[in-house]
Amino acid sequence: MQQRQLGKDGPHVSALGLGCMGMSFAYGPTNESESLRVLHRYLELGGDFLDTAEVYGPYTNEELLGRFLREAPRDSVVVATKFGFRFNPDGTRGLDSSPENVRRACDASRPPVFRIERLLFQTLSSSAGALGPERC
């Protein structure tokens, strides 16, 4: 499979990434065993770039990828995850790209097998400029 470099100095990834949202969110009933089969087949076909987000569930998609990564060679997969939401106790969601939420998203989005290569804003709130040079 063809490869592309992410950014100027980023990792090389397969040109065809796999968006994982539908494996746990948005398109009706989910099937974890089928999703795991799809993930394994994608790797067999030469894919190595998986896209997820904390909002898919929330967190259930990242948990699914965590289970997959326990079975797959971890260094052969690049994971991109996105954030930018606030999950309220009453189940509602809001926008939040504050530095505190960046840290919270990093902590909440990492099952033990995760290493976040790319953390992407899902959406920007007015506080996005407050990040400065800090990193997760």
Protein backbone atom coordinates (compact mmCIF):
# COMPACT_ATOMS: atom_id res chain seq x y z
CA MET A 1 0.00 0.00 0.00
CA GLN A 2 1.27 3.48 -0.76
CA GLN A 3 2.57 5.55 2.14
CA ARG A 4 2.25 9.24 2.98
CA GLN A 5 4.14 11.30 5.53
CA LEU A 6 2.08 13.12 8.14
CA GLY A 7 3.34 16.67 8.17
CA LYS A 8 6.94 17.67 7.63
CA ASP A 9 8.51 15.40 10.26
CA GLY A 10 5.72 12.99 11.10
CA PRO A 11 5.48 9.26 10.64
CA HIS A 12 4.81 7.60 7.31
CA VAL A 13 1.37 5.99 7.18
CA SER A 14 -0.70 4.11 4.65
CA ALA A 15 -2.39 6.39 2.11
CA LEU A 16 -5.68 4.67 2.91
CA GLY A 17 -6.48 5.17 6.58
CA LEU A 18 -9.27 3.39 8.42
CA GLY A 19 -11.86 5.59 10.11
CA CYS A 20 -13.19 3.56 13.02
CA MET A 21 -16.23 5.62 14.07
CA GLY A 22 -18.82 3.19 12.72
CA MET A 23 -17.34 0.34 14.73
CA SER A 24 -18.80 1.71 17.95
CA PHE A 25 -20.89 4.78 17.17
CA ALA A 26 -23.35 6.44 14.82
CA TYR A 27 -24.47 3.79 12.33
CA GLY A 28 -26.68 1.48 14.36
CA PRO A 29 -25.88 -1.74 16.22
CA THR A 30 -22.21 -2.61 16.60
CA ASN A 31 -20.43 -5.95 16.53
CA GLU A 32 -17.10 -6.03 18.34
CA SER A 33 -15.92 -9.33 16.90
CA GLU A 34 -16.67 -8.14 13.35
CA SER A 35 -14.90 -4.84 14.05
CA LEU A 36 -11.82 -6.70 15.32
CA ARG A 37 -11.85 -8.86 12.17
CA VAL A 38 -11.97 -5.71 10.01
CA LEU A 39 -9.07 -4.17 11.93
CA HIS A 40 -6.95 -7.31 11.55
CA ARG A 41 -7.77 -7.57 7.84
CA TYR A 42 -6.87 -3.91 7.31
CA LEU A 43 -3.45 -4.63 8.85
CA GLU A 44 -3.04 -7.75 6.68
CA LEU A 45 -3.73 -5.64 3.58
CA GLY A 46 -0.97 -3.20 4.52
CA GLY A 47 -2.95 -0.50 6.31
CA ASP A 48 -1.47 1.08 9.39
CA PHE A 49 -3.32 4.37 10.05
CA LEU A 50 -6.35 4.26 12.35
CA ASP A 51 -8.58 7.24 13.10
CA THR A 52 -10.71 7.51 16.24
CA ALA A 53 -12.05 10.19 18.60
CA GLU A 54 -13.09 10.43 22.20
CA VAL A 55 -16.62 11.40 21.14
CA TYR A 56 -17.21 8.00 19.48
CA GLY A 57 -18.98 6.41 22.39
CA PRO A 58 -17.68 8.45 24.20
CA TYR A 59 -14.46 6.46 24.56
CA THR A 60 -15.85 3.08 23.42
CA ASN A 61 -14.10 3.36 20.06
CA GLU A 62 -10.74 4.00 21.69
CA GLU A 63 -11.39 1.09 24.08
CA LEU A 64 -12.08 -1.15 21.07
CA LEU A 65 -8.81 -0.04 19.48
CA GLY A 66 -7.07 -0.74 22.79
CA ARG A 67 -8.32 -4.34 22.69
CA PHE A 68 -7.19 -4.64 19.06
CA LEU A 69 -3.75 -3.23 19.85
CA ARG A 70 -3.23 -5.87 22.53
CA GLU A 71 -3.41 -8.43 19.69
CA ALA A 72 -1.59 -6.49 16.95
CA PRO A 73 2.07 -5.51 16.71
CA ARG A 74 1.81 -2.06 18.31
CA ASP A 75 4.69 -0.51 16.40
CA SER A 76 2.97 -1.33 13.11
CA VAL A 77 -0.01 0.99 13.74
CA VAL A 78 -0.35 4.77 13.92
CA VAL A 79 -3.40 6.05 15.79
CA ALA A 80 -4.88 9.52 15.32
CA THR A 81 -7.44 10.62 17.87
CA LYS A 82 -9.47 13.79 18.14
CA PHE A 83 -10.96 15.79 20.98
CA GLY A 84 -12.74 19.09 21.58
CA PHE A 85 -15.82 18.12 23.53
CA ARG A 86 -16.89 18.35 27.14
CA PHE A 87 -19.01 15.51 28.46
CA ASN A 88 -21.39 16.73 31.15
CA PRO A 89 -22.71 14.54 33.99
CA ASP A 90 -26.26 14.85 32.63
CA GLY A 91 -25.18 13.28 29.32
CA THR A 92 -25.10 16.48 27.31
CA ARG A 93 -22.01 17.57 25.39
CA GLY A 94 -20.41 20.92 24.83
CA LEU A 95 -17.36 22.30 23.08
CA ASP A 96 -14.11 22.65 25.01
CA SER A 97 -10.61 23.02 23.61
CA SER A 98 -9.12 24.54 26.76
CA PRO A 99 -5.65 23.44 27.94
CA GLU A 100 -7.31 21.58 30.84
CA ASN A 101 -9.50 19.65 28.42
CA VAL A 102 -6.50 18.81 26.23
CA ARG A 103 -4.86 17.18 29.28
CA ARG A 104 -8.11 15.46 30.28
CA ALA A 105 -8.58 14.13 26.74
CA CYS A 106 -5.03 12.79 26.63
CA ASP A 107 -5.44 11.05 29.98
CA ALA A 108 -8.91 9.68 29.22
CA SER A 109 -8.08 8.58 25.68
CA ARG A 110 -5.17 6.33 26.43
CA PRO A 111 -5.78 2.73 27.37
CA PRO A 112 -2.42 1.32 28.52
CA VAL A 113 -1.48 0.21 25.00
CA PHE A 114 -2.04 3.62 23.40
CA ARG A 115 0.67 5.99 22.34
CA ILE A 116 -0.90 9.04 20.78
CA GLU A 117 0.96 9.96 17.60
CA ARG A 118 -1.50 12.63 16.51
CA LEU A 119 -4.01 14.49 18.67
CA LEU A 120 -6.38 16.55 16.54
CA PHE A 121 -8.97 19.16 17.47
CA GLN A 122 -12.40 17.83 16.58
CA THR A 123 -13.71 21.37 16.94
CA LEU A 124 -12.36 24.66 18.25
CA SER A 125 -13.81 26.76 21.01
CA SER A 126 -12.81 30.34 21.73
CA SER A 127 -10.08 29.21 24.16
CA ALA A 128 -8.08 27.25 21.57
CA GLY A 129 -5.34 29.87 21.44
CA ALA A 130 -4.59 29.35 25.13
CA LEU A 131 -2.68 26.11 24.47
CA GLY A 132 0.70 27.69 23.94
CA PRO A 133 3.68 25.35 23.54
CA GLU A 134 2.38 22.70 25.97
CA ARG A 135 2.04 19.10 24.83
CA CYS A 136 0.29 16.06 26.20
